[in-house]
């Protein structure tokens, strides 16, 4: 058993889904783990970067199905750090973008445990990019919003109202259950013909994509049976992305070798 002085916690961003999009730093840190606590949105293939002897605990949360509450996860992180040493908290995307990473850091710090963060590639940027969607484009979109679709009160974020009034590209995470409300807001702003993309399980083999307009996207979602986890992208930049939508998959087909860091 390791004593407290060797205990430490590192939050690692797992990226958007494709294991190749884990950072090199993230792979190196996983190779030093005594315990890995991983999310539902963290690709399980990434566990191969950790030592075989490392304890691996699934703490994922999906809508209506939580392996652990957030408070229980916080306590698990601390308990395992005090018992085993180095805990790697593997979180989908980037830990500090709607990942509640700072809550876990603050809880661990309250016990005097050293904490570190390895940023990850956020799905809010990488997933649209994988479909050829540039969130900014000179003369078209000078900025973009990244918004959670559903607040802790289970309501649509009021920031979506402000975003619908802007000329910026709008990226909405965790918004599929609020799609009807989102559509109504943009229609109210006379943006029914604004291009929309919905990307489910982006950058993974299970990826599904629906592209249309604010007026047509609900039918497309129904026809294609799209659901969470998915990213909603609304803006003129979506309109010219179709010709580039397959280039990420083509790139992967040419790069099938993966650099693996790990230890027995």
C-alpha atoms as a PDB file:
ATOM      1  CA  UNK A   1       0.000   0.000   0.000  1.00  0.00           C
ATOM      2  CA  UNK A   2       1.259   3.481  -0.826  1.00  0.00           C
ATOM      3  CA  UNK A   3       1.199   6.292   1.688  1.00  0.00           C
ATOM      4  CA  UNK A   4      -0.435   9.661   1.167  1.00  0.00           C
ATOM      5  CA  UNK A   5       2.755  11.372   0.037  1.00  0.00           C
ATOM      6  CA  UNK A   6       2.717   9.290  -3.153  1.00  0.00           C
ATOM      7  CA  UNK A   7      -0.950   9.926  -3.847  1.00  0.00           C
ATOM      8  CA  UNK A   8      -1.797  12.103  -6.829  1.00  0.00           C
ATOM      9  CA  UNK A   9      -4.611  12.624  -9.274  1.00  0.00           C
ATOM     10  CA  UNK A  10      -4.356  13.487 -12.961  1.00  0.00           C
ATOM     11  CA  UNK A  11      -7.347  14.421 -15.075  1.00  0.00           C
ATOM     12  CA  UNK A  12      -6.728  13.347 -18.662  1.00  0.00           C
ATOM     13  CA  UNK A  13      -8.825  14.462 -21.613  1.00  0.00           C
ATOM     14  CA  UNK A  14      -9.638  11.390 -23.707  1.00  0.00           C
ATOM     15  CA  UNK A  15     -10.557  13.362 -26.819  1.00  0.00           C
ATOM     16  CA  UNK A  16     -13.737  13.082 -28.893  1.00  0.00           C
ATOM     17  CA  UNK A  17     -13.874   9.296 -29.392  1.00  0.00           C
ATOM     18  CA  UNK A  18     -11.216   8.175 -31.851  1.00  0.00           C
ATOM     19  CA  UNK A  19      -8.418   6.711 -29.681  1.00  0.00           C
ATOM     20  CA  UNK A  20      -5.848   8.141 -32.099  1.00  0.00           C
ATOM     21  CA  UNK A  21      -6.875  11.600 -30.906  1.00  0.00           C
ATOM     22  CA  UNK A  22      -5.584  11.058 -27.378  1.00  0.00           C
ATOM     23  CA  UNK A  23      -2.615  13.364 -26.829  1.00  0.00           C
ATOM     24  CA  UNK A  24       0.891  11.943 -26.434  1.00  0.00           C
ATOM     25  CA  UNK A  25       1.015  13.470 -22.942  1.00  0.00           C
ATOM     26  CA  UNK A  26      -2.242  11.715 -22.076  1.00  0.00           C
ATOM     27  CA  UNK A  27      -0.843   8.359 -23.214  1.00  0.00           C
ATOM     28  CA  UNK A  28       2.302   8.860 -21.128  1.00  0.00           C
ATOM     29  CA  UNK A  29       0.293   9.704 -18.021  1.00  0.00           C
ATOM     30  CA  UNK A  30      -1.961   6.669 -18.487  1.00  0.00           C
ATOM     31  CA  UNK A  31       1.164   4.507 -18.599  1.00  0.00           C
ATOM     32  CA  UNK A  32       1.957   5.686 -15.065  1.00  0.00           C
ATOM     33  CA  UNK A  33      -1.487   4.974 -13.594  1.00  0.00           C
ATOM     34  CA  UNK A  34      -2.194   2.782 -10.597  1.00  0.00           C
ATOM     35  CA  UNK A  35      -5.942   3.307 -11.036  1.00  0.00           C
ATOM     36  CA  UNK A  36      -7.967   4.560 -14.019  1.00  0.00           C
ATOM     37  CA  UNK A  37     -11.489   5.877 -13.536  1.00  0.00           C
ATOM     38  CA  UNK A  38     -13.035   6.318 -16.971  1.00  0.00           C
ATOM     39  CA  UNK A  39     -16.183   7.854 -18.421  1.00  0.00           C
ATOM     40  CA  UNK A  40     -18.793   6.561 -20.856  1.00  0.00           C
ATOM     41  CA  UNK A  41     -17.449   8.959 -23.495  1.00  0.00           C
ATOM     42  CA  UNK A  42     -13.848   7.803 -23.070  1.00  0.00           C
ATOM     43  CA  UNK A  43     -12.994   5.109 -25.618  1.00  0.00           C
ATOM     44  CA  UNK A  44     -12.201   1.878 -23.752  1.00  0.00           C
ATOM     45  CA  UNK A  45      -9.371   1.187 -26.212  1.00  0.00           C
ATOM     46  CA  UNK A  46      -7.443   3.868 -24.339  1.00  0.00           C
ATOM     47  CA  UNK A  47      -7.211   1.576 -21.319  1.00  0.00           C
ATOM     48  CA  UNK A  48      -4.538  -0.352 -23.210  1.00  0.00           C
ATOM     49  CA  UNK A  49      -2.164   2.548 -22.557  1.00  0.00           C
ATOM     50  CA  UNK A  50      -2.388   1.836 -18.816  1.00  0.00           C
ATOM     51  CA  UNK A  51      -0.383  -0.941 -17.106  1.00  0.00           C
ATOM     52  CA  UNK A  52      -2.140  -4.308 -17.104  1.00  0.00           C
ATOM     53  CA  UNK A  53      -1.962  -4.375 -13.316  1.00  0.00           C
ATOM     54  CA  UNK A  54      -3.710  -0.995 -12.994  1.00  0.00           C
ATOM     55  CA  UNK A  55      -7.206  -1.055 -11.510  1.00  0.00           C
ATOM     56  CA  UNK A  56      -9.758   0.123 -14.081  1.00  0.00           C
ATOM     57  CA  UNK A  57     -13.133   1.387 -12.866  1.00  0.00           C
ATOM     58  CA  UNK A  58     -16.039   2.471 -15.095  1.00  0.00           C
ATOM     59  CA  UNK A  59     -17.806   5.516 -13.670  1.00  0.00           C
ATOM     60  CA  UNK A  60     -19.715   6.564 -16.776  1.00  0.00           C
ATOM     61  CA  UNK A  61     -22.924   8.537 -16.861  1.00  0.00           C
ATOM     62  CA  UNK A  62     -25.566   8.463 -19.564  1.00  0.00           C
ATOM     63  CA  UNK A  63     -28.967  10.072 -19.587  1.00  0.00           C
ATOM     64  CA  UNK A  64     -31.046   8.241 -16.983  1.00  0.00           C
ATOM     65  CA  UNK A  65     -28.283   5.736 -16.184  1.00  0.00           C
ATOM     66  CA  UNK A  66     -25.437   6.656 -13.863  1.00  0.00           C
ATOM     67  CA  UNK A  67     -22.927   4.070 -12.670  1.00  0.00           C
ATOM     68  CA  UNK A  68     -22.118   6.501  -9.845  1.00  0.00           C
ATOM     69  CA  UNK A  69     -23.325   9.928  -8.796  1.00  0.00           C
ATOM     70  CA  UNK A  70     -20.861  12.801  -9.106  1.00  0.00           C
ATOM     71  CA  UNK A  71     -20.353  12.866  -5.343  1.00  0.00           C
ATOM     72  CA  UNK A  72     -19.587   9.143  -5.378  1.00  0.00           C
ATOM     73  CA  UNK A  73     -17.096   9.653  -8.206  1.00  0.00           C
ATOM     74  CA  UNK A  74     -15.386  12.423  -6.261  1.00  0.00           C
ATOM     75  CA  UNK A  75     -15.031  10.133  -3.264  1.00  0.00           C
ATOM     76  CA  UNK A  76     -13.809   7.212  -5.389  1.00  0.00           C
ATOM     77  CA  UNK A  77     -11.062   9.390  -6.814  1.00  0.00           C
ATOM     78  CA  UNK A  78      -9.846  10.367  -3.360  1.00  0.00           C
ATOM     79  CA  UNK A  79     -10.196   6.907  -1.799  1.00  0.00           C
ATOM     80  CA  UNK A  80      -8.249   5.249  -4.604  1.00  0.00           C
ATOM     81  CA  UNK A  81      -5.546   7.911  -4.543  1.00  0.00           C
ATOM     82  CA  UNK A  82      -5.044   7.448  -0.818  1.00  0.00           C
ATOM     83  CA  UNK A  83      -5.049   3.664  -1.141  1.00  0.00           C
ATOM     84  CA  UNK A  84      -3.121   3.001  -4.351  1.00  0.00           C
ATOM     85  CA  UNK A  85      -1.282   6.152  -5.405  1.00  0.00           C
ATOM     86  CA  UNK A  86      -1.699   7.635  -8.874  1.00  0.00           C
ATOM     87  CA  UNK A  87      -5.304   7.921 -10.044  1.00  0.00           C
ATOM     88  CA  UNK A  88      -5.902   8.879 -13.668  1.00  0.00           C
ATOM     89  CA  UNK A  89      -9.363  10.276 -14.234  1.00  0.00           C
ATOM     90  CA  UNK A  90     -10.027   9.697 -17.936  1.00  0.00           C
ATOM     91  CA  UNK A  91     -12.740  12.016 -19.217  1.00  0.00           C
ATOM     92  CA  UNK A  92     -14.222  12.380 -22.694  1.00  0.00           C
ATOM     93  CA  UNK A  93     -13.183  15.427 -24.702  1.00  0.00           C
ATOM     94  CA  UNK A  94     -11.476  18.013 -22.516  1.00  0.00           C
ATOM     95  CA  UNK A  95     -11.931  17.716 -18.728  1.00  0.00           C
ATOM     96  CA  UNK A  96     -12.765  21.388 -18.312  1.00  0.00           C
ATOM     97  CA  UNK A  97     -15.422  21.731 -21.026  1.00  0.00           C
ATOM     98  CA  UNK A  98     -18.725  20.549 -19.532  1.00  0.00           C
ATOM     99  CA  UNK A  99     -16.823  17.679 -17.909  1.00  0.00           C
ATOM    100  CA  UNK A 100     -17.164  18.715 -14.245  1.00  0.00           C
ATOM    101  CA  UNK A 101     -13.421  18.285 -14.028  1.00  0.00           C
ATOM    102  CA  UNK A 102     -12.887  21.312 -11.812  1.00  0.00           C
ATOM    103  CA  UNK A 103     -15.316  19.870  -9.242  1.00  0.00           C
ATOM    104  CA  UNK A 104     -13.237  16.704  -9.019  1.00  0.00           C
ATOM    105  CA  UNK A 105     -10.024  18.720  -8.749  1.00  0.00           C
ATOM    106  CA  UNK A 106     -11.401  20.908  -5.957  1.00  0.00           C
ATOM    107  CA  UNK A 107     -12.671  17.898  -4.016  1.00  0.00           C
ATOM    108  CA  UNK A 108      -9.275  16.184  -4.205  1.00  0.00           C
ATOM    109  CA  UNK A 109      -7.500  19.398  -3.222  1.00  0.00           C
ATOM    110  CA  UNK A 110      -9.642  19.612  -0.091  1.00  0.00           C
ATOM    111  CA  UNK A 111      -7.887  16.413   1.036  1.00  0.00           C
ATOM    112  CA  UNK A 112      -4.462  17.842   0.269  1.00  0.00           C
ATOM    113  CA  UNK A 113      -3.905  15.507  -2.683  1.00  0.00           C
ATOM    114  CA  UNK A 114      -1.725  16.882  -5.517  1.00  0.00           C
ATOM    115  CA  UNK A 115      -3.715  17.312  -8.725  1.00  0.00           C
ATOM    116  CA  UNK A 116      -2.755  17.740 -12.370  1.00  0.00           C
ATOM    117  CA  UNK A 117      -4.596  18.175 -15.662  1.00  0.00           C
ATOM    118  CA  UNK A 118      -3.744  16.989 -19.174  1.00  0.00           C
ATOM    119  CA  UNK A 119      -5.974  18.874 -21.634  1.00  0.00           C
ATOM    120  CA  UNK A 120      -7.835  16.879 -24.259  1.00  0.00           C
ATOM    121  CA  UNK A 121      -9.103  17.602 -27.757  1.00  0.00           C
ATOM    122  CA  UNK A 122     -12.616  18.902 -27.249  1.00  0.00           C
ATOM    123  CA  UNK A 123     -15.401  17.218 -29.176  1.00  0.00           C
ATOM    124  CA  UNK A 124     -16.978  20.642 -29.649  1.00  0.00           C
ATOM    125  CA  UNK A 125     -14.222  21.499 -32.130  1.00  0.00           C
ATOM    126  CA  UNK A 126     -12.869  18.146 -33.310  1.00  0.00           C
ATOM    127  CA  UNK A 127     -16.166  16.513 -34.236  1.00  0.00           C
ATOM    128  CA  UNK A 128     -17.316  19.321 -36.554  1.00  0.00           C
ATOM    129  CA  UNK A 129     -13.803  19.474 -38.032  1.00  0.00           C
ATOM    130  CA  UNK A 130     -13.931  15.747 -38.788  1.00  0.00           C
ATOM    131  CA  UNK A 131     -16.951  16.470 -40.989  1.00  0.00           C
ATOM    132  CA  UNK A 132     -15.233  19.324 -42.795  1.00  0.00           C
ATOM    133  CA  UNK A 133     -17.047  21.988 -40.778  1.00  0.00           C
ATOM    134  CA  UNK A 134     -14.828  24.970 -40.003  1.00  0.00           C
ATOM    135  CA  UNK A 135     -16.449  26.769 -37.072  1.00  0.00           C
ATOM    136  CA  UNK A 136     -14.973  30.063 -38.221  1.00  0.00           C
ATOM    137  CA  UNK A 137     -14.538  31.284 -41.772  1.00  0.00           C
ATOM    138  CA  UNK A 138     -13.444  34.679 -43.008  1.00  0.00           C
ATOM    139  CA  UNK A 139     -16.436  36.669 -44.178  1.00  0.00           C
ATOM    140  CA  UNK A 140     -18.913  34.065 -42.919  1.00  0.00           C
ATOM    141  CA  UNK A 141     -18.443  33.443 -39.197  1.00  0.00           C
ATOM    142  CA  UNK A 142     -16.113  35.459 -36.989  1.00  0.00           C
ATOM    143  CA  UNK A 143     -16.829  33.573 -33.765  1.00  0.00           C
ATOM    144  CA  UNK A 144     -18.580  30.558 -32.304  1.00  0.00           C
ATOM    145  CA  UNK A 145     -20.539  29.600 -29.225  1.00  0.00           C
ATOM    146  CA  UNK A 146     -20.119  26.323 -27.362  1.00  0.00           C
ATOM    147  CA  UNK A 147     -23.143  25.761 -25.155  1.00  0.00           C
ATOM    148  CA  UNK A 148     -24.555  22.970 -23.054  1.00  0.00           C
ATOM    149  CA  UNK A 149     -28.044  22.229 -24.291  1.00  0.00           C
ATOM    150  CA  UNK A 150     -29.294  21.009 -20.936  1.00  0.00           C
ATOM    151  CA  UNK A 151     -28.520  22.740 -17.645  1.00  0.00           C
ATOM    152  CA  UNK A 152     -28.280  21.146 -14.202  1.00  0.00           C
ATOM    153  CA  UNK A 153     -31.960  22.066 -13.773  1.00  0.00           C
ATOM    154  CA  UNK A 154     -32.704  19.930 -16.894  1.00  0.00           C
ATOM    155  CA  UNK A 155     -33.778  23.028 -18.805  1.00  0.00           C
ATOM    156  CA  UNK A 156     -32.511  24.473 -22.068  1.00  0.00           C
ATOM    157  CA  UNK A 157     -29.655  26.899 -21.456  1.00  0.00           C
ATOM    158  CA  UNK A 158     -30.739  30.528 -21.740  1.00  0.00           C
ATOM    159  CA  UNK A 159     -27.514  31.183 -23.663  1.00  0.00           C
ATOM    160  CA  UNK A 160     -29.072  29.380 -26.631  1.00  0.00           C
ATOM    161  CA  UNK A 161     -31.526  32.277 -26.900  1.00  0.00           C
ATOM    162  CA  UNK A 162     -28.653  34.762 -27.152  1.00  0.00           C
ATOM    163  CA  UNK A 163     -26.736  32.532 -29.554  1.00  0.00           C
ATOM    164  CA  UNK A 164     -29.731  32.311 -31.877  1.00  0.00           C
ATOM    165  CA  UNK A 165     -29.706  36.106 -32.134  1.00  0.00           C
ATOM    166  CA  UNK A 166     -26.030  36.266 -33.124  1.00  0.00           C
ATOM    167  CA  UNK A 167     -24.253  35.695 -36.435  1.00  0.00           C
ATOM    168  CA  UNK A 168     -21.848  33.206 -34.851  1.00  0.00           C
ATOM    169  CA  UNK A 169     -21.667  29.466 -35.426  1.00  0.00           C
ATOM    170  CA  UNK A 170     -23.455  27.681 -32.583  1.00  0.00           C
ATOM    171  CA  UNK A 171     -22.244  24.350 -31.197  1.00  0.00           C
ATOM    172  CA  UNK A 172     -24.580  22.689 -28.719  1.00  0.00           C
ATOM    173  CA  UNK A 173     -23.532  19.723 -26.605  1.00  0.00           C
ATOM    174  CA  UNK A 174     -26.021  17.553 -24.727  1.00  0.00           C
ATOM    175  CA  UNK A 175     -28.874  19.163 -26.617  1.00  0.00           C
ATOM    176  CA  UNK A 176     -30.695  16.358 -28.406  1.00  0.00           C
ATOM    177  CA  UNK A 177     -33.486  16.157 -25.842  1.00  0.00           C
ATOM    178  CA  UNK A 178     -34.053  19.892 -26.349  1.00  0.00           C
ATOM    179  CA  UNK A 179     -33.942  19.867 -30.152  1.00  0.00           C
ATOM    180  CA  UNK A 180     -37.569  20.938 -30.573  1.00  0.00           C
ATOM    181  CA  UNK A 181     -36.992  23.967 -28.343  1.00  0.00           C
ATOM    182  CA  UNK A 182     -33.752  24.827 -30.138  1.00  0.00           C
ATOM    183  CA  UNK A 183     -35.459  24.691 -33.531  1.00  0.00           C
ATOM    184  CA  UNK A 184     -38.283  26.918 -32.297  1.00  0.00           C
ATOM    185  CA  UNK A 185     -35.821  29.522 -31.015  1.00  0.00           C
ATOM    186  CA  UNK A 186     -33.964  29.750 -34.320  1.00  0.00           C
ATOM    187  CA  UNK A 187     -37.218  29.851 -36.287  1.00  0.00           C
ATOM    188  CA  UNK A 188     -38.341  32.728 -34.083  1.00  0.00           C
ATOM    189  CA  UNK A 189     -35.224  34.593 -35.248  1.00  0.00           C
ATOM    190  CA  UNK A 190     -36.175  33.927 -38.914  1.00  0.00           C
ATOM    191  CA  UNK A 191     -33.365  31.402 -39.310  1.00  0.00           C
ATOM    192  CA  UNK A 192     -35.385  28.472 -40.590  1.00  0.00           C
ATOM    193  CA  UNK A 193     -33.089  28.066 -43.604  1.00  0.00           C
ATOM    194  CA  UNK A 194     -29.899  28.145 -41.538  1.00  0.00           C
ATOM    195  CA  UNK A 195     -27.799  24.996 -42.178  1.00  0.00           C
ATOM    196  CA  UNK A 196     -27.591  22.458 -39.357  1.00  0.00           C
ATOM    197  CA  UNK A 197     -25.476  19.363 -38.787  1.00  0.00           C
ATOM    198  CA  UNK A 198     -26.040  16.739 -36.128  1.00  0.00           C
ATOM    199  CA  UNK A 199     -23.142  14.367 -35.563  1.00  0.00           C
ATOM    200  CA  UNK A 200     -23.674  11.321 -33.359  1.00  0.00           C
ATOM    201  CA  UNK A 201     -20.692   9.384 -31.959  1.00  0.00           C
ATOM    202  CA  UNK A 202     -18.330  11.631 -33.877  1.00  0.00           C
ATOM    203  CA  UNK A 203     -14.880  10.323 -34.979  1.00  0.00           C
ATOM    204  CA  UNK A 204     -15.841   6.726 -34.102  1.00  0.00           C
ATOM    205  CA  UNK A 205     -16.885   3.786 -36.324  1.00  0.00           C
ATOM    206  CA  UNK A 206     -20.452   4.270 -35.000  1.00  0.00           C
ATOM    207  CA  UNK A 207     -20.621   7.820 -36.330  1.00  0.00           C
ATOM    208  CA  UNK A 208     -23.913   8.950 -37.868  1.00  0.00           C
ATOM    209  CA  UNK A 209     -24.492  12.338 -39.483  1.00  0.00           C
ATOM    210  CA  UNK A 210     -27.562  14.310 -40.443  1.00  0.00           C
ATOM    211  CA  UNK A 211     -27.298  17.583 -42.379  1.00  0.00           C
ATOM    212  CA  UNK A 212     -30.183  19.882 -43.216  1.00  0.00           C
ATOM    213  CA  UNK A 213     -31.635  23.192 -42.115  1.00  0.00           C
ATOM    214  CA  UNK A 214     -33.354  24.408 -38.978  1.00  0.00           C
ATOM    215  CA  UNK A 215     -36.681  23.716 -40.697  1.00  0.00           C
ATOM    216  CA  UNK A 216     -35.804  20.171 -41.802  1.00  0.00           C
ATOM    217  CA  UNK A 217     -33.499  18.829 -39.107  1.00  0.00           C
ATOM    218  CA  UNK A 218     -36.193  17.280 -36.902  1.00  0.00           C
ATOM    219  CA  UNK A 219     -37.402  15.057 -39.738  1.00  0.00           C
ATOM    220  CA  UNK A 220     -33.815  14.124 -40.585  1.00  0.00           C
ATOM    221  CA  UNK A 221     -33.200  13.125 -36.969  1.00  0.00           C
ATOM    222  CA  UNK A 222     -36.317  10.947 -37.031  1.00  0.00           C
ATOM    223  CA  UNK A 223     -35.521   9.384 -40.405  1.00  0.00           C
ATOM    224  CA  UNK A 224     -31.920   8.581 -39.425  1.00  0.00           C
ATOM    225  CA  UNK A 225     -32.790   7.669 -35.835  1.00  0.00           C
ATOM    226  CA  UNK A 226     -30.139  10.020 -34.475  1.00  0.00           C
ATOM    227  CA  UNK A 227     -29.758  10.274 -30.713  1.00  0.00           C
ATOM    228  CA  UNK A 228     -27.291  11.097 -27.961  1.00  0.00           C
ATOM    229  CA  UNK A 229     -24.371  11.435 -27.679  1.00  0.00           C
ATOM    230  CA  UNK A 230     -24.456  13.956 -30.480  1.00  0.00           C
ATOM    231  CA  UNK A 231     -23.286  17.451 -31.292  1.00  0.00           C
ATOM    232  CA  UNK A 232     -25.531  20.041 -32.911  1.00  0.00           C
ATOM    233  CA  UNK A 233     -23.840  22.598 -35.177  1.00  0.00           C
ATOM    234  CA  UNK A 234     -25.877  25.532 -36.482  1.00  0.00           C
ATOM    235  CA  UNK A 235     -24.472  28.112 -38.873  1.00  0.00           C
ATOM    236  CA  UNK A 236     -23.688  29.080 -42.438  1.00  0.00           C
ATOM    237  CA  UNK A 237     -20.346  27.246 -42.225  1.00  0.00           C
ATOM    238  CA  UNK A 238     -22.244  23.951 -42.280  1.00  0.00           C
ATOM    239  CA  UNK A 239     -23.500  24.666 -45.786  1.00  0.00           C
ATOM    240  CA  UNK A 240     -20.263  24.022 -47.680  1.00  0.00           C
ATOM    241  CA  UNK A 241     -19.052  21.069 -45.618  1.00  0.00           C
ATOM    242  CA  UNK A 242     -20.637  18.196 -47.563  1.00  0.00           C
ATOM    243  CA  UNK A 243     -17.803  17.922 -50.080  1.00  0.00           C
ATOM    244  CA  UNK A 244     -15.351  17.417 -47.194  1.00  0.00           C
ATOM    245  CA  UNK A 245     -17.459  15.210 -44.950  1.00  0.00           C
ATOM    246  CA  UNK A 246     -15.555  12.000 -45.696  1.00  0.00           C
ATOM    247  CA  UNK A 247     -11.991  13.207 -45.491  1.00  0.00           C
ATOM    248  CA  UNK A 248     -11.413  12.226 -41.867  1.00  0.00           C
ATOM    249  CA  UNK A 249     -12.417   8.613 -42.516  1.00  0.00           C
ATOM    250  CA  UNK A 250     -10.186   8.569 -45.585  1.00  0.00           C
ATOM    251  CA  UNK A 251      -7.295   9.837 -43.474  1.00  0.00           C
ATOM    252  CA  UNK A 252      -7.817   7.080 -40.907  1.00  0.00           C
ATOM    253  CA  UNK A 253      -7.776   4.414 -43.600  1.00  0.00           C
ATOM    254  CA  UNK A 254      -4.265   5.532 -44.540  1.00  0.00           C
ATOM    255  CA  UNK A 255      -2.970   5.597 -40.972  1.00  0.00           C
ATOM    256  CA  UNK A 256      -3.645   2.268 -39.276  1.00  0.00           C
ATOM    257  CA  UNK A 257      -0.544   2.193 -37.111  1.00  0.00           C
ATOM    258  CA  UNK A 258      -0.952   3.461 -33.570  1.00  0.00           C
ATOM    259  CA  UNK A 259       1.890   4.535 -31.305  1.00  0.00           C
ATOM    260  CA  UNK A 260       1.257   2.804 -27.992  1.00  0.00           C
ATOM    261  CA  UNK A 261       2.737   3.754 -24.656  1.00  0.00           C
ATOM    262  CA  UNK A 262       2.329   1.188 -21.890  1.00  0.00           C
ATOM    263  CA  UNK A 263       4.001  -1.063 -19.426  1.00  0.00           C
ATOM    264  CA  UNK A 264       3.411  -4.412 -17.842  1.00  0.00           C
END
